[in-house]
């Protein structure tokens, strides 16, 4: 058992590189479309589509980053498909349906 004062191997190991698109607050740009979906009834149409533009730009930038890191096209395509589904398509659809249902529920007479 090593003493608490002994240097660990972690001290000599360089830190892993930070993934800008997954390890920093930039990650939240991938969910911009969910804000647009949430506020769709209240914001201008151009702002609504703008949130999708931000989210799609994030997805494309992340996929390009994964491709550029090692030149592996399969990794870039995998990141593109995964991010598109996980950050834009599925959450956007779910929020859209929740907002639509809430809108119908609040406008119907009881």
PDB file of N, CA and C in Angstrom:
ATOM      1  N   UNK A   1       0.852  -1.173   0.000  1.00  0.00           N
ATOM      2  CA  UNK A   1       0.000   0.000   0.000  1.00  0.00           C
ATOM      3  C   UNK A   1       0.892   1.228   0.000  1.00  0.00           C
ATOM      4  N   UNK A   2       0.627   2.146  -0.898  1.00  0.00           N
ATOM      5  CA  UNK A   2       1.448   3.352  -1.027  1.00  0.00           C
ATOM      6  C   UNK A   2       1.074   4.349   0.052  1.00  0.00           C
ATOM      7  N   UNK A   3       2.071   5.111   0.459  1.00  0.00           N
ATOM      8  CA  UNK A   3       1.794   6.133   1.477  1.00  0.00           C
ATOM      9  C   UNK A   3       1.036   7.289   0.856  1.00  0.00           C
ATOM     10  N   UNK A   4       0.274   8.037   1.637  1.00  0.00           N
ATOM     11  CA  UNK A   4      -0.511   9.147   1.100  1.00  0.00           C
ATOM     12  C   UNK A   4       0.350  10.233   0.477  1.00  0.00           C
ATOM     13  N   UNK A   5       1.620  10.325   0.866  1.00  0.00           N
ATOM     14  CA  UNK A   5       2.494  11.363   0.333  1.00  0.00           C
ATOM     15  C   UNK A   5       3.205  10.938  -0.943  1.00  0.00           C
ATOM     16  N   UNK A   6       3.094   9.671  -1.313  1.00  0.00           N
ATOM     17  CA  UNK A   6       3.764   9.191  -2.514  1.00  0.00           C
ATOM     18  C   UNK A   6       3.076   9.756  -3.745  1.00  0.00           C
ATOM     19  N   UNK A   7       3.889  10.089  -4.726  1.00  0.00           N
ATOM     20  CA  UNK A   7       3.334  10.636  -5.975  1.00  0.00           C
ATOM     21  C   UNK A   7       2.612   9.524  -6.721  1.00  0.00           C
ATOM     22  N   UNK A   8       1.433   9.829  -7.207  1.00  0.00           N
ATOM     23  CA  UNK A   8       0.677   8.826  -7.948  1.00  0.00           C
ATOM     24  C   UNK A   8       1.044   8.901  -9.419  1.00  0.00           C
ATOM     25  N   UNK A   9       0.686   7.878 -10.156  1.00  0.00           N
ATOM     26  CA  UNK A   9       0.959   7.882 -11.590  1.00  0.00           C
ATOM     27  C   UNK A   9       0.116   8.914 -12.314  1.00  0.00           C
ATOM     28  N   UNK A  10      -0.987   9.354 -11.681  1.00  0.00           N
ATOM     29  CA  UNK A  10      -1.835  10.377 -12.292  1.00  0.00           C
ATOM     30  C   UNK A  10      -1.109  11.704 -12.420  1.00  0.00           C
ATOM     31  N   UNK A  11      -0.155  11.973 -11.532  1.00  0.00           N
ATOM     32  CA  UNK A  11       0.563  13.239 -11.570  1.00  0.00           C
ATOM     33  C   UNK A  11       1.448  13.337 -12.797  1.00  0.00           C
ATOM     34  N   UNK A  12       1.911  12.211 -13.318  1.00  0.00           N
ATOM     35  CA  UNK A  12       2.784  12.237 -14.483  1.00  0.00           C
ATOM     36  C   UNK A  12       2.020  12.039 -15.785  1.00  0.00           C
ATOM     37  N   UNK A  13       0.775  11.657 -15.696  1.00  0.00           N
ATOM     38  CA  UNK A  13      -0.046  11.440 -16.877  1.00  0.00           C
ATOM     39  C   UNK A  13      -0.667  12.764 -17.312  1.00  0.00           C
ATOM     40  N   UNK A  14      -0.491  13.135 -18.577  1.00  0.00           N
ATOM     41  CA  UNK A  14      -1.108  14.381 -19.024  1.00  0.00           C
ATOM     42  C   UNK A  14      -2.633  14.268 -18.989  1.00  0.00           C
ATOM     43  N   UNK A  15      -3.323  15.372 -18.721  1.00  0.00           N
ATOM     44  CA  UNK A  15      -4.788  15.309 -18.677  1.00  0.00           C
ATOM     45  C   UNK A  15      -5.358  14.972 -20.051  1.00  0.00           C
ATOM     46  N   UNK A  16      -6.461  14.264 -20.051  1.00  0.00           N
ATOM     47  CA  UNK A  16      -7.129  13.932 -21.306  1.00  0.00           C
ATOM     48  C   UNK A  16      -7.630  15.213 -21.954  1.00  0.00           C
ATOM     49  N   UNK A  17      -7.627  15.226 -23.272  1.00  0.00           N
ATOM     50  CA  UNK A  17      -8.082  16.441 -23.948  1.00  0.00           C
ATOM     51  C   UNK A  17      -9.576  16.647 -23.704  1.00  0.00           C
ATOM     52  N   UNK A  18      -9.949  17.882 -23.602  1.00  0.00           N
ATOM     53  CA  UNK A  18     -11.345  18.237 -23.352  1.00  0.00           C
ATOM     54  C   UNK A  18     -12.080  18.278 -24.683  1.00  0.00           C
ATOM     55  N   UNK A  19     -13.205  17.618 -24.742  1.00  0.00           N
ATOM     56  CA  UNK A  19     -14.035  17.637 -25.939  1.00  0.00           C
ATOM     57  C   UNK A  19     -14.948  18.853 -25.844  1.00  0.00           C
ATOM     58  N   UNK A  20     -14.676  19.856 -26.662  1.00  0.00           N
ATOM     59  CA  UNK A  20     -15.423  21.109 -26.631  1.00  0.00           C
ATOM     60  C   UNK A  20     -16.925  20.889 -26.750  1.00  0.00           C
ATOM     61  N   UNK A  21     -17.327  19.952 -27.573  1.00  0.00           N
ATOM     62  CA  UNK A  21     -18.749  19.757 -27.858  1.00  0.00           C
ATOM     63  C   UNK A  21     -19.471  18.855 -26.863  1.00  0.00           C
ATOM     64  N   UNK A  22     -18.736  18.186 -25.988  1.00  0.00           N
ATOM     65  CA  UNK A  22     -19.406  17.297 -25.030  1.00  0.00           C
ATOM     66  C   UNK A  22     -19.046  17.563 -23.581  1.00  0.00           C
ATOM     67  N   UNK A  23     -17.929  18.244 -23.339  1.00  0.00           N
ATOM     68  CA  UNK A  23     -17.461  18.451 -21.969  1.00  0.00           C
ATOM     69  C   UNK A  23     -17.545  19.893 -21.495  1.00  0.00           C
ATOM     70  N   UNK A  24     -18.116  20.769 -22.285  1.00  0.00           N
ATOM     71  CA  UNK A  24     -18.203  22.188 -21.919  1.00  0.00           C
ATOM     72  C   UNK A  24     -19.645  22.666 -22.068  1.00  0.00           C
ATOM     73  N   UNK A  25     -19.939  23.862 -21.625  1.00  0.00           N
ATOM     74  CA  UNK A  25     -21.301  24.390 -21.781  1.00  0.00           C
ATOM     75  C   UNK A  25     -21.758  24.546 -23.238  1.00  0.00           C
ATOM     76  N   UNK A  26     -20.837  24.459 -24.187  1.00  0.00           N
ATOM     77  CA  UNK A  26     -21.221  24.495 -25.605  1.00  0.00           C
ATOM     78  C   UNK A  26     -22.225  23.375 -25.892  1.00  0.00           C
ATOM     79  N   UNK A  27     -22.167  22.323 -25.116  1.00  0.00           N
ATOM     80  CA  UNK A  27     -23.064  21.173 -25.266  1.00  0.00           C
ATOM     81  C   UNK A  27     -24.538  21.583 -25.278  1.00  0.00           C
ATOM     82  N   UNK A  28     -24.856  22.608 -24.502  1.00  0.00           N
ATOM     83  CA  UNK A  28     -26.252  23.016 -24.388  1.00  0.00           C
ATOM     84  C   UNK A  28     -26.809  23.639 -25.667  1.00  0.00           C
ATOM     85  N   UNK A  29     -25.944  24.030 -26.597  1.00  0.00           N
ATOM     86  CA  UNK A  29     -26.425  24.560 -27.878  1.00  0.00           C
ATOM     87  C   UNK A  29     -27.187  23.485 -28.656  1.00  0.00           C
ATOM     88  N   UNK A  30     -26.860  22.242 -28.400  1.00  0.00           N
ATOM     89  CA  UNK A  30     -27.563  21.147 -29.069  1.00  0.00           C
ATOM     90  C   UNK A  30     -29.017  21.046 -28.674  1.00  0.00           C
ATOM     91  N   UNK A  31     -29.380  21.693 -27.590  1.00  0.00           N
ATOM     92  CA  UNK A  31     -30.767  21.654 -27.114  1.00  0.00           C
ATOM     93  C   UNK A  31     -31.506  22.963 -27.342  1.00  0.00           C
ATOM     94  N   UNK A  32     -30.941  23.847 -28.147  1.00  0.00           N
ATOM     95  CA  UNK A  32     -31.581  25.140 -28.415  1.00  0.00           C
ATOM     96  C   UNK A  32     -32.965  24.962 -29.035  1.00  0.00           C
ATOM     97  N   UNK A  33     -33.123  23.947 -29.870  1.00  0.00           N
ATOM     98  CA  UNK A  33     -34.420  23.731 -30.515  1.00  0.00           C
ATOM     99  C   UNK A  33     -35.516  23.406 -29.509  1.00  0.00           C
ATOM    100  N   UNK A  34     -35.139  22.838 -28.370  1.00  0.00           N
ATOM    101  CA  UNK A  34     -36.154  22.537 -27.359  1.00  0.00           C
ATOM    102  C   UNK A  34     -36.714  23.817 -26.755  1.00  0.00           C
ATOM    103  N   UNK A  35     -35.883  24.832 -26.627  1.00  0.00           N
ATOM    104  CA  UNK A  35     -36.397  26.135 -26.189  1.00  0.00           C
ATOM    105  C   UNK A  35     -37.357  26.683 -27.233  1.00  0.00           C
ATOM    106  N   UNK A  36     -36.969  26.562 -28.499  1.00  0.00           N
ATOM    107  CA  UNK A  36     -37.851  27.019 -29.577  1.00  0.00           C
ATOM    108  C   UNK A  36     -39.177  26.294 -29.573  1.00  0.00           C
ATOM    109  N   UNK A  37     -39.133  24.984 -29.378  1.00  0.00           N
ATOM    110  CA  UNK A  37     -40.377  24.209 -29.313  1.00  0.00           C
ATOM    111  C   UNK A  37     -41.220  24.621 -28.110  1.00  0.00           C
ATOM    112  N   UNK A  38     -40.566  24.848 -26.976  1.00  0.00           N
ATOM    113  CA  UNK A  38     -41.284  25.210 -25.754  1.00  0.00           C
ATOM    114  C   UNK A  38     -42.006  26.543 -25.888  1.00  0.00           C
ATOM    115  N   UNK A  39     -41.353  27.479 -26.561  1.00  0.00           N
ATOM    116  CA  UNK A  39     -41.919  28.829 -26.671  1.00  0.00           C
ATOM    117  C   UNK A  39     -42.535  29.100 -28.038  1.00  0.00           C
ATOM    118  N   UNK A  40     -42.732  28.071 -28.841  1.00  0.00           N
ATOM    119  CA  UNK A  40     -43.262  28.216 -30.198  1.00  0.00           C
ATOM    120  C   UNK A  40     -44.521  29.068 -30.268  1.00  0.00           C
ATOM    121  N   UNK A  41     -45.483  28.897 -29.359  1.00  0.00           N
ATOM    122  CA  UNK A  41     -46.696  29.725 -29.456  1.00  0.00           C
ATOM    123  C   UNK A  41     -46.444  31.204 -29.117  1.00  0.00           C
ATOM    124  N   UNK A  42     -45.304  31.515 -28.517  1.00  0.00           N
ATOM    125  CA  UNK A  42     -45.058  32.866 -28.016  1.00  0.00           C
ATOM    126  C   UNK A  42     -44.014  33.650 -28.782  1.00  0.00           C
ATOM    127  N   UNK A  43     -43.210  32.993 -29.615  1.00  0.00           N
ATOM    128  CA  UNK A  43     -42.109  33.688 -30.279  1.00  0.00           C
ATOM    129  C   UNK A  43     -42.359  33.778 -31.784  1.00  0.00           C
ATOM    130  N   UNK A  44     -41.685  34.717 -32.452  1.00  0.00           N
ATOM    131  CA  UNK A  44     -41.832  34.804 -33.913  1.00  0.00           C
ATOM    132  C   UNK A  44     -41.332  33.529 -34.597  1.00  0.00           C
ATOM    133  N   UNK A  45     -41.898  33.252 -35.736  1.00  0.00           N
ATOM    134  CA  UNK A  45     -41.550  32.042 -36.490  1.00  0.00           C
ATOM    135  C   UNK A  45     -40.056  31.982 -36.823  1.00  0.00           C
ATOM    136  N   UNK A  46     -39.471  33.142 -37.154  1.00  0.00           N
ATOM    137  CA  UNK A  46     -38.045  33.177 -37.497  1.00  0.00           C
ATOM    138  C   UNK A  46     -37.189  32.789 -36.287  1.00  0.00           C
ATOM    139  N   UNK A  47     -37.595  33.165 -35.092  1.00  0.00           N
ATOM    140  CA  UNK A  47     -36.859  32.784 -33.886  1.00  0.00           C
ATOM    141  C   UNK A  47     -36.991  31.279 -33.647  1.00  0.00           C
ATOM    142  N   UNK A  48     -38.184  30.752 -33.891  1.00  0.00           N
ATOM    143  CA  UNK A  48     -38.416  29.312 -33.749  1.00  0.00           C
ATOM    144  C   UNK A  48     -37.479  28.521 -34.663  1.00  0.00           C
ATOM    145  N   UNK A  49     -37.437  28.901 -35.934  1.00  0.00           N
ATOM    146  CA  UNK A  49     -36.553  28.210 -36.867  1.00  0.00           C
ATOM    147  C   UNK A  49     -35.085  28.483 -36.550  1.00  0.00           C
ATOM    148  N   UNK A  50     -34.791  29.655 -36.007  1.00  0.00           N
ATOM    149  CA  UNK A  50     -33.424  29.977 -35.613  1.00  0.00           C
ATOM    150  C   UNK A  50     -32.888  29.029 -34.559  1.00  0.00           C
ATOM    151  N   UNK A  51     -33.756  28.607 -33.635  1.00  0.00           N
ATOM    152  CA  UNK A  51     -33.305  27.669 -32.605  1.00  0.00           C
ATOM    153  C   UNK A  51     -32.925  26.323 -33.227  1.00  0.00           C
ATOM    154  N   UNK A  52     -33.629  25.930 -34.267  1.00  0.00           N
ATOM    155  CA  UNK A  52     -33.254  24.711 -34.979  1.00  0.00           C
ATOM    156  C   UNK A  52     -31.948  24.906 -35.726  1.00  0.00           C
ATOM    157  N   UNK A  53     -31.726  26.104 -36.248  1.00  0.00           N
ATOM    158  CA  UNK A  53     -30.463  26.398 -36.916  1.00  0.00           C
ATOM    159  C   UNK A  53     -29.289  26.272 -35.965  1.00  0.00           C
ATOM    160  N   UNK A  54     -29.443  26.794 -34.751  1.00  0.00           N
ATOM    161  CA  UNK A  54     -28.381  26.696 -33.737  1.00  0.00           C
ATOM    162  C   UNK A  54     -28.121  25.237 -33.389  1.00  0.00           C
ATOM    163  N   UNK A  55     -29.167  24.478 -33.130  1.00  0.00           N
ATOM    164  CA  UNK A  55     -29.010  23.068 -32.749  1.00  0.00           C
ATOM    165  C   UNK A  55     -28.383  22.253 -33.882  1.00  0.00           C
ATOM    166  N   UNK A  56     -28.818  22.493 -35.106  1.00  0.00           N
ATOM    167  CA  UNK A  56     -28.263  21.746 -36.243  1.00  0.00           C
ATOM    168  C   UNK A  56     -26.809  22.131 -36.505  1.00  0.00           C
ATOM    169  N   UNK A  57     -26.472  23.397 -36.306  1.00  0.00           N
ATOM    170  CA  UNK A  57     -25.077  23.829 -36.450  1.00  0.00           C
ATOM    171  C   UNK A  57     -24.207  23.137 -35.404  1.00  0.00           C
ATOM    172  N   UNK A  58     -24.717  23.014 -34.197  1.00  0.00           N
ATOM    173  CA  UNK A  58     -23.985  22.295 -33.141  1.00  0.00           C
ATOM    174  C   UNK A  58     -23.745  20.849 -33.545  1.00  0.00           C
ATOM    175  N   UNK A  59     -24.775  20.183 -34.041  1.00  0.00           N
ATOM    176  CA  UNK A  59     -24.661  18.776 -34.438  1.00  0.00           C
ATOM    177  C   UNK A  59     -23.625  18.626 -35.557  1.00  0.00           C
ATOM    178  N   UNK A  60     -23.689  19.503 -36.552  1.00  0.00           N
ATOM    179  CA  UNK A  60     -22.738  19.431 -37.666  1.00  0.00           C
ATOM    180  C   UNK A  60     -21.313  19.705 -37.188  1.00  0.00           C
ATOM    181  N   UNK A  61     -21.140  20.685 -36.300  1.00  0.00           N
ATOM    182  CA  UNK A  61     -19.807  21.008 -35.790  1.00  0.00           C
ATOM    183  C   UNK A  61     -19.243  19.852 -34.968  1.00  0.00           C
ATOM    184  N   UNK A  62     -20.066  19.227 -34.148  1.00  0.00           N
ATOM    185  CA  UNK A  62     -19.608  18.095 -33.342  1.00  0.00           C
ATOM    186  C   UNK A  62     -19.208  16.931 -34.239  1.00  0.00           C
ATOM    187  N   UNK A  63     -20.024  16.622 -35.232  1.00  0.00           N
ATOM    188  CA  UNK A  63     -19.702  15.526 -36.144  1.00  0.00           C
ATOM    189  C   UNK A  63     -18.412  15.825 -36.907  1.00  0.00           C
ATOM    190  N   UNK A  64     -18.254  17.058 -37.354  1.00  0.00           N
ATOM    191  CA  UNK A  64     -17.040  17.432 -38.057  1.00  0.00           C
ATOM    192  C   UNK A  64     -15.822  17.325 -37.138  1.00  0.00           C
ATOM    193  N   UNK A  65     -15.971  17.726 -35.885  1.00  0.00           N
ATOM    194  CA  UNK A  65     -14.879  17.621 -34.923  1.00  0.00           C
ATOM    195  C   UNK A  65     -14.464  16.168 -34.734  1.00  0.00           C
ATOM    196  N   UNK A  66     -15.424  15.276 -34.618  1.00  0.00           N
ATOM    197  CA  UNK A  66     -15.105  13.862 -34.430  1.00  0.00           C
ATOM    198  C   UNK A  66     -14.388  13.306 -35.667  1.00  0.00           C
ATOM    199  N   UNK A  67     -14.809  13.739 -36.844  1.00  0.00           N
ATOM    200  CA  UNK A  67     -14.139  13.310 -38.076  1.00  0.00           C
ATOM    201  C   UNK A  67     -12.719  13.882 -38.142  1.00  0.00           C
ATOM    202  N   UNK A  68     -12.562  15.165 -37.833  1.00  0.00           N
ATOM    203  CA  UNK A  68     -11.258  15.831 -37.929  1.00  0.00           C
ATOM    204  C   UNK A  68     -10.243  15.271 -36.930  1.00  0.00           C
ATOM    205  N   UNK A  69     -10.701  14.809 -35.791  1.00  0.00           N
ATOM    206  CA  UNK A  69      -9.778  14.319 -34.757  1.00  0.00           C
ATOM    207  C   UNK A  69      -8.938  13.143 -35.233  1.00  0.00           C
ATOM    208  N   UNK A  70      -9.545  12.223 -35.983  1.00  0.00           N
ATOM    209  CA  UNK A  70      -8.755  11.075 -36.428  1.00  0.00           C
ATOM    210  C   UNK A  70      -8.989  10.702 -37.890  1.00  0.00           C
ATOM    211  N   UNK A  71      -9.747  11.504 -38.615  1.00  0.00           N
ATOM    212  CA  UNK A  71      -9.968  11.244 -40.033  1.00  0.00           C
ATOM    213  C   UNK A  71     -10.847  10.049 -40.321  1.00  0.00           C
ATOM    214  N   UNK A  72     -11.559   9.559 -39.322  1.00  0.00           N
ATOM    215  CA  UNK A  72     -12.416   8.386 -39.485  1.00  0.00           C
ATOM    216  C   UNK A  72     -13.824   8.838 -39.874  1.00  0.00           C
ATOM    217  N   UNK A  73     -14.183   8.577 -41.125  1.00  0.00           N
ATOM    218  CA  UNK A  73     -15.494   8.987 -41.631  1.00  0.00           C
ATOM    219  C   UNK A  73     -16.606   8.308 -40.843  1.00  0.00           C
ATOM    220  N   UNK A  74     -16.418   7.056 -40.508  1.00  0.00           N
ATOM    221  CA  UNK A  74     -17.449   6.318 -39.768  1.00  0.00           C
ATOM    222  C   UNK A  74     -17.719   6.977 -38.418  1.00  0.00           C
ATOM    223  N   UNK A  75     -16.680   7.442 -37.757  1.00  0.00           N
ATOM    224  CA  UNK A  75     -16.873   8.115 -36.461  1.00  0.00           C
ATOM    225  C   UNK A  75     -17.640   9.428 -36.639  1.00  0.00           C
ATOM    226  N   UNK A  76     -17.330  10.157 -37.698  1.00  0.00           N
ATOM    227  CA  UNK A  76     -18.044  11.402 -37.972  1.00  0.00           C
ATOM    228  C   UNK A  76     -19.516  11.167 -38.285  1.00  0.00           C
ATOM    229  N   UNK A  77     -19.784  10.155 -39.096  1.00  0.00           N
ATOM    230  CA  UNK A  77     -21.172   9.826 -39.445  1.00  0.00           C
ATOM    231  C   UNK A  77     -21.921   9.330 -38.216  1.00  0.00           C
ATOM    232  N   UNK A  78     -21.260   8.508 -37.405  1.00  0.00           N
ATOM    233  CA  UNK A  78     -21.876   8.025 -36.171  1.00  0.00           C
ATOM    234  C   UNK A  78     -22.246   9.193 -35.258  1.00  0.00           C
ATOM    235  N   UNK A  79     -21.324  10.143 -35.096  1.00  0.00           N
ATOM    236  CA  UNK A  79     -21.605  11.320 -34.261  1.00  0.00           C
ATOM    237  C   UNK A  79     -22.750  12.137 -34.847  1.00  0.00           C
ATOM    238  N   UNK A  80     -22.775  12.272 -36.174  1.00  0.00           N
ATOM    239  CA  UNK A  80     -23.841  13.039 -36.825  1.00  0.00           C
ATOM    240  C   UNK A  80     -25.204  12.396 -36.574  1.00  0.00           C
ATOM    241  N   UNK A  81     -25.299  11.113 -36.782  1.00  0.00           N
ATOM    242  CA  UNK A  81     -26.579  10.417 -36.594  1.00  0.00           C
ATOM    243  C   UNK A  81     -26.997  10.447 -35.124  1.00  0.00           C
ATOM    244  N   UNK A  82     -26.057  10.105 -34.241  1.00  0.00           N
ATOM    245  CA  UNK A  82     -26.373  10.072 -32.817  1.00  0.00           C
ATOM    246  C   UNK A  82     -26.801  11.447 -32.314  1.00  0.00           C
ATOM    247  N   UNK A  83     -26.031  12.481 -32.627  1.00  0.00           N
ATOM    248  CA  UNK A  83     -26.355  13.822 -32.138  1.00  0.00           C
ATOM    249  C   UNK A  83     -27.668  14.327 -32.740  1.00  0.00           C
ATOM    250  N   UNK A  84     -27.893  14.048 -34.013  1.00  0.00           N
ATOM    251  CA  UNK A  84     -29.143  14.488 -34.639  1.00  0.00           C
ATOM    252  C   UNK A  84     -30.350  13.854 -33.941  1.00  0.00           C
ATOM    253  N   UNK A  85     -30.253  12.573 -33.660  1.00  0.00           N
ATOM    254  CA  UNK A  85     -31.360  11.894 -32.985  1.00  0.00           C
ATOM    255  C   UNK A  85     -31.479  12.314 -31.518  1.00  0.00           C
ATOM    256  N   UNK A  86     -30.364  12.313 -30.800  1.00  0.00           N
ATOM    257  CA  UNK A  86     -30.390  12.540 -29.350  1.00  0.00           C
ATOM    258  C   UNK A  86     -30.549  14.007 -28.968  1.00  0.00           C
ATOM    259  N   UNK A  87     -30.095  14.931 -29.814  1.00  0.00           N
ATOM    260  CA  UNK A  87     -30.145  16.342 -29.446  1.00  0.00           C
ATOM    261  C   UNK A  87     -31.251  17.115 -30.150  1.00  0.00           C
ATOM    262  N   UNK A  88     -31.636  16.701 -31.339  1.00  0.00           N
ATOM    263  CA  UNK A  88     -32.589  17.506 -32.122  1.00  0.00           C
ATOM    264  C   UNK A  88     -33.913  16.776 -32.361  1.00  0.00           C
ATOM    265  N   UNK A  89     -33.870  15.637 -32.995  1.00  0.00           N
ATOM    266  CA  UNK A  89     -35.098  15.013 -33.488  1.00  0.00           C
ATOM    267  C   UNK A  89     -35.998  14.482 -32.368  1.00  0.00           C
ATOM    268  N   UNK A  90     -35.489  13.588 -31.551  1.00  0.00           N
ATOM    269  CA  UNK A  90     -36.328  12.967 -30.516  1.00  0.00           C
ATOM    270  C   UNK A  90     -36.780  13.983 -29.460  1.00  0.00           C
ATOM    271  N   UNK A  91     -35.859  14.751 -28.844  1.00  0.00           N
ATOM    272  CA  UNK A  91     -36.333  15.721 -27.847  1.00  0.00           C
ATOM    273  C   UNK A  91     -37.253  16.786 -28.449  1.00  0.00           C
ATOM    274  N   UNK A  92     -36.931  17.230 -29.666  1.00  0.00           N
ATOM    275  CA  UNK A  92     -37.785  18.230 -30.313  1.00  0.00           C
ATOM    276  C   UNK A  92     -39.185  17.717 -30.553  1.00  0.00           C
ATOM    277  N   UNK A  93     -39.292  16.465 -30.992  1.00  0.00           N
ATOM    278  CA  UNK A  93     -40.603  15.866 -31.219  1.00  0.00           C
ATOM    279  C   UNK A  93     -41.386  15.739 -29.916  1.00  0.00           C
ATOM    280  N   UNK A  94     -40.720  15.267 -28.868  1.00  0.00           N
ATOM    281  CA  UNK A  94     -41.400  15.084 -27.578  1.00  0.00           C
ATOM    282  C   UNK A  94     -41.901  16.420 -27.038  1.00  0.00           C
ATOM    283  N   UNK A  95     -41.048  17.435 -27.055  1.00  0.00           N
ATOM    284  CA  UNK A  95     -41.457  18.751 -26.543  1.00  0.00           C
ATOM    285  C   UNK A  95     -42.574  19.323 -27.411  1.00  0.00           C
ATOM    286  N   UNK A  96     -42.486  19.142 -28.721  1.00  0.00           N
ATOM    287  CA  UNK A  96     -43.533  19.620 -29.619  1.00  0.00           C
ATOM    288  C   UNK A  96     -44.881  19.005 -29.267  1.00  0.00           C
ATOM    289  N   UNK A  97     -44.914  17.709 -29.030  1.00  0.00           N
ATOM    290  CA  UNK A  97     -46.177  17.035 -28.707  1.00  0.00           C
ATOM    291  C   UNK A  97     -46.698  17.456 -27.334  1.00  0.00           C
ATOM    292  N   UNK A  98     -45.817  17.643 -26.374  1.00  0.00           N
ATOM    293  CA  UNK A  98     -46.246  18.087 -25.044  1.00  0.00           C
ATOM    294  C   UNK A  98     -46.839  19.490 -25.129  1.00  0.00           C
ATOM    295  N   UNK A  99     -46.192  20.382 -25.858  1.00  0.00           N
ATOM    296  CA  UNK A  99     -46.692  21.755 -26.000  1.00  0.00           C
ATOM    297  C   UNK A  99     -48.032  21.755 -26.746  1.00  0.00           C
ATOM    298  N   UNK A 100     -48.130  20.947 -27.801  1.00  0.00           N
ATOM    299  CA  UNK A 100     -49.390  20.878 -28.555  1.00  0.00           C
ATOM    300  C   UNK A 100     -50.520  20.332 -27.682  1.00  0.00           C
ATOM    301  N   UNK A 101     -50.241  19.300 -26.915  1.00  0.00           N
ATOM    302  CA  UNK A 101     -51.255  18.721 -26.029  1.00  0.00           C
ATOM    303  C   UNK A 101     -51.668  19.708 -24.947  1.00  0.00           C
ATOM    304  N   UNK A 102     -50.702  20.400 -24.368  1.00  0.00           N
ATOM    305  CA  UNK A 102     -51.016  21.400 -23.347  1.00  0.00           C
ATOM    306  C   UNK A 102     -51.832  22.536 -23.941  1.00  0.00           C
ATOM    307  N   UNK A 103     -51.513  22.924 -25.159  1.00  0.00           N
ATOM    308  CA  UNK A 103     -52.286  23.980 -25.820  1.00  0.00           C
ATOM    309  C   UNK A 103     -53.729  23.572 -26.051  1.00  0.00           C
ATOM    310  N   UNK A 104     -53.925  22.339 -26.504  1.00  0.00           N
ATOM    311  CA  UNK A 104     -55.302  21.846 -26.713  1.00  0.00           C
ATOM    312  C   UNK A 104     -56.043  21.717 -25.384  1.00  0.00           C
ATOM    313  N   UNK A 105     -55.356  21.258 -24.366  1.00  0.00           N
ATOM    314  CA  UNK A 105     -55.979  21.052 -23.069  1.00  0.00           C
ATOM    315  C   UNK A 105     -56.390  22.371 -22.430  1.00  0.00           C
ATOM    316  N   UNK A 106     -55.659  23.431 -22.686  1.00  0.00           N
ATOM    317  CA  UNK A 106     -55.975  24.716 -22.051  1.00  0.00           C
ATOM    318  C   UNK A 106     -56.950  25.553 -22.874  1.00  0.00           C
ATOM    319  N   UNK A 107     -57.233  25.171 -24.112  1.00  0.00           N
ATOM    320  CA  UNK A 107     -58.193  25.945 -24.908  1.00  0.00           C
ATOM    321  C   UNK A 107     -59.562  25.272 -24.985  1.00  0.00           C
ATOM    322  N   UNK A 108     -59.663  24.025 -24.593  1.00  0.00           N
ATOM    323  CA  UNK A 108     -60.942  23.313 -24.624  1.00  0.00           C
ATOM    324  C   UNK A 108     -61.806  23.687 -23.430  1.00  0.00           C
ATOM    325  N   UNK A 109     -63.085  23.909 -23.669  1.00  0.00           N
ATOM    326  CA  UNK A 109     -63.979  24.143 -22.518  1.00  0.00           C
ATOM    327  C   UNK A 109     -64.174  22.850 -21.745  1.00  0.00           C
ATOM    328  N   UNK A 110     -64.333  22.986 -20.472  1.00  0.00           N
ATOM    329  CA  UNK A 110     -64.496  21.806 -19.616  1.00  0.00           C
ATOM    330  C   UNK A 110     -65.926  21.421 -19.462  1.00  0.00           C
TER     331      UNK A 110
END
